[in-house]
Amino acid sequence: MNLKETDLPGIGKKFVVTTRSGDKLVIIVHDDGRRELYHFKHDDEEESISMVTLDDDEARHISAIVGGINYKPKALETIEVALDDLIIEWYRIESGFKCVGLSIGELNVRQQSGATIIALIDPTHGKTINPGPDVVITANSMLVALGERQHQKRLRQVLLNGGG
């Protein structure tokens, strides 16, 4: 994948993505939160095939879907997604974990591990994207976290042992 980023003064930022399959996608992130996505023909990089405009909320929901927060494909159950040194890891919270019943703030997740919880998917309460410190971790939920490998190792210990 090839990615180019350009500032658009007074407008926002422009991202040009060329995928491994040869698709060209242009994403414009406006300063007001709108996103415009343009898909181009393989044989004519100047002619757009389609265009979609999203508001900030729509873009965040779609990014969660594309990023695998709402549904993690079975093939990725044990695979981590690497973004340079950053890793997105999924943790299934078992009933025996000491973190069950404690809030993210009570666990001091970021201070204890260095990782950031980016989503909590609870079978009874639904999805919480970018959960705050008051969100309580429940058994059988799926926690999605971002951090470097050592952060993820420390986060696993915080979840298992309930912080410290």
Protein backbone atom coordinates (compact mmCIF):
# COMPACT_ATOMS: atom_id res chain seq x y z
CA MET A 1 0.00 0.00 0.00
CA ASN A 2 1.21 3.48 -0.85
CA LEU A 3 -0.06 6.50 1.15
CA LYS A 4 0.46 10.18 0.40
CA GLU A 5 -0.75 12.94 2.73
CA THR A 6 -1.19 16.57 1.69
CA ASP A 7 -2.32 19.62 3.67
CA LEU A 8 -5.19 21.53 2.08
CA PRO A 9 -5.02 24.98 3.73
CA GLY A 10 -8.46 26.20 4.74
CA ILE A 11 -10.00 22.83 3.85
CA GLY A 12 -8.27 20.02 5.78
CA LYS A 13 -6.10 17.12 4.64
CA LYS A 14 -6.00 14.94 1.54
CA PHE A 15 -4.90 11.30 1.64
CA VAL A 16 -4.17 9.36 -1.55
CA VAL A 17 -4.07 5.60 -1.06
CA THR A 18 -2.94 3.17 -3.73
CA THR A 19 -3.71 -0.38 -2.61
CA ARG A 20 -1.70 -3.50 -3.38
CA SER A 21 -4.44 -4.50 -5.83
CA GLY A 22 -3.95 -1.23 -7.74
CA ASP A 23 -7.05 0.63 -6.54
CA LYS A 24 -6.68 4.36 -5.97
CA LEU A 25 -8.69 5.96 -3.18
CA VAL A 26 -8.63 9.66 -2.31
CA ILE A 27 -9.91 10.69 1.11
CA ILE A 28 -10.40 14.34 1.97
CA VAL A 29 -10.88 15.10 5.66
CA HIS A 30 -12.44 18.55 5.98
CA ASP A 31 -11.77 20.77 8.99
CA ASP A 32 -15.52 20.67 9.77
CA GLY A 33 -15.38 16.86 10.18
CA ARG A 34 -16.82 15.83 6.81
CA ARG A 35 -15.04 13.16 4.79
CA GLU A 36 -15.15 12.72 1.04
CA LEU A 37 -14.03 9.41 -0.46
CA TYR A 38 -13.26 9.07 -4.16
CA HIS A 39 -12.55 5.77 -5.93
CA PHE A 40 -10.74 5.91 -9.28
CA LYS A 41 -10.57 3.64 -12.33
CA HIS A 42 -7.52 1.36 -12.61
CA ASP A 43 -6.77 2.54 -16.15
CA ASP A 44 -7.61 6.24 -15.64
CA GLU A 45 -6.36 7.75 -12.39
CA GLU A 46 -8.08 11.05 -13.21
CA GLU A 47 -11.64 9.73 -13.58
CA SER A 48 -13.50 9.00 -10.38
CA ILE A 49 -15.78 5.93 -10.42
CA SER A 50 -17.65 6.87 -7.26
CA MET A 51 -17.77 9.42 -4.47
CA VAL A 52 -19.19 9.23 -0.95
CA THR A 53 -19.58 12.05 1.58
CA LEU A 54 -19.72 11.16 5.28
CA ASP A 55 -20.21 13.28 8.37
CA ASP A 56 -17.84 12.74 11.31
CA ASP A 57 -20.11 10.24 13.10
CA GLU A 58 -20.67 8.16 9.96
CA ALA A 59 -16.94 8.12 9.21
CA ARG A 60 -16.12 6.88 12.71
CA HIS A 61 -18.69 4.08 12.51
CA ILE A 62 -17.41 2.98 9.11
CA SER A 63 -13.80 3.08 10.32
CA ALA A 64 -14.80 0.78 13.21
CA ILE A 65 -16.33 -1.66 10.74
CA VAL A 66 -13.38 -1.58 8.35
CA GLY A 67 -10.92 -1.78 11.25
CA GLY A 68 -12.59 -4.90 12.60
CA ILE A 69 -13.97 -3.47 15.84
CA ASN A 70 -17.56 -4.52 15.14
CA TYR A 71 -16.70 -7.90 13.66
CA LYS A 72 -13.37 -9.64 13.74
CA PRO A 73 -13.04 -12.14 10.88
CA LYS A 74 -12.44 -15.70 12.10
CA ALA A 75 -9.11 -15.80 10.25
CA LEU A 76 -7.86 -12.96 12.48
CA GLU A 77 -8.86 -14.50 15.82
CA THR A 78 -5.23 -15.09 16.76
CA ILE A 79 -3.52 -12.59 14.51
CA GLU A 80 -2.57 -9.12 15.58
CA VAL A 81 -2.72 -6.14 13.26
CA ALA A 82 0.59 -4.27 13.21
CA LEU A 83 0.85 -0.55 12.45
CA ASP A 84 4.61 0.01 12.56
CA ASP A 85 5.28 -0.60 16.28
CA LEU A 86 1.62 -0.24 17.26
CA ILE A 87 -0.51 -3.34 17.64
CA ILE A 88 -4.28 -3.65 17.89
CA GLU A 89 -5.14 -6.58 20.14
CA TRP A 90 -8.51 -8.16 21.01
CA TYR A 91 -9.00 -9.51 24.55
CA ARG A 92 -11.92 -11.75 25.49
CA ILE A 93 -12.63 -10.98 29.15
CA GLU A 94 -13.18 -14.23 31.04
CA SER A 95 -15.25 -14.31 34.24
CA GLY A 96 -12.15 -15.15 36.32
CA PHE A 97 -10.24 -12.03 35.28
CA LYS A 98 -9.71 -9.64 38.23
CA CYS A 99 -10.66 -6.66 36.02
CA VAL A 100 -14.31 -7.79 35.87
CA GLY A 101 -16.53 -5.30 37.66
CA LEU A 102 -13.88 -2.57 37.72
CA SER A 103 -13.91 0.58 35.60
CA ILE A 104 -11.14 1.49 33.18
CA GLY A 105 -10.28 4.40 35.49
CA GLU A 106 -10.12 2.17 38.59
CA LEU A 107 -7.69 -0.09 36.74
CA ASN A 108 -5.56 2.91 35.65
CA VAL A 109 -5.18 1.10 32.33
CA ARG A 110 -3.19 3.75 30.48
CA GLN A 111 -0.92 4.56 33.44
CA GLN A 112 -0.35 0.89 34.37
CA SER A 113 0.17 -0.48 30.85
CA GLY A 114 0.70 2.34 28.36
CA ALA A 115 -2.03 0.82 26.15
CA THR A 116 -5.19 2.62 25.07
CA ILE A 117 -8.56 0.89 25.07
CA ILE A 118 -10.23 1.85 21.79
CA ALA A 119 -13.43 -0.20 22.12
CA LEU A 120 -15.36 -2.41 24.50
CA ILE A 121 -17.93 -4.78 23.05
CA ASP A 122 -20.28 -6.05 25.74
CA PRO A 123 -22.83 -8.76 24.79
CA THR A 124 -25.51 -7.14 26.98
CA HIS A 125 -24.67 -3.41 26.75
CA GLY A 126 -23.47 -3.20 23.14
CA LYS A 127 -20.42 -1.42 21.74
CA THR A 128 -18.59 1.49 23.30
CA ILE A 129 -16.09 3.12 20.96
CA ASN A 130 -13.31 5.01 22.78
CA PRO A 131 -14.67 4.16 26.25
CA GLY A 132 -14.02 6.64 29.05
CA PRO A 133 -12.59 5.92 32.52
CA ASP A 134 -16.05 5.32 34.01
CA VAL A 135 -16.84 2.36 31.72
CA VAL A 136 -16.97 -0.90 33.72
CA ILE A 137 -15.42 -4.05 32.26
CA THR A 138 -17.77 -7.04 32.32
CA ALA A 139 -17.27 -10.77 31.89
CA ASN A 140 -17.66 -12.15 28.36
CA SER A 141 -16.98 -8.77 26.76
CA MET A 142 -14.38 -8.12 24.08
CA LEU A 143 -11.86 -5.37 24.75
CA VAL A 144 -9.91 -3.84 21.84
CA ALA A 145 -6.66 -2.06 22.73
CA LEU A 146 -3.91 -0.18 20.91
CA GLY A 147 -0.29 -0.13 22.02
CA GLU A 148 3.20 -1.40 21.45
CA ARG A 149 4.03 -5.02 22.25
CA GLN A 150 5.27 -4.26 25.78
CA HIS A 151 2.11 -2.21 26.46
CA GLN A 152 -0.06 -5.13 25.36
CA LYS A 153 1.85 -7.52 27.65
CA ARG A 154 1.33 -5.19 30.62
CA LEU A 155 -2.34 -4.69 29.72
CA ARG A 156 -2.90 -8.45 29.75
CA GLN A 157 -1.49 -8.53 33.30
CA VAL A 158 -3.72 -5.60 34.36
CA LEU A 159 -6.77 -7.42 33.00
CA LEU A 160 -5.84 -10.71 34.62
CA ASN A 161 -4.74 -9.30 37.99
CA GLY A 162 -6.99 -6.24 38.30
CA GLY A 163 -4.36 -3.52 38.13
CA GLY A 164 -2.26 -2.56 41.05
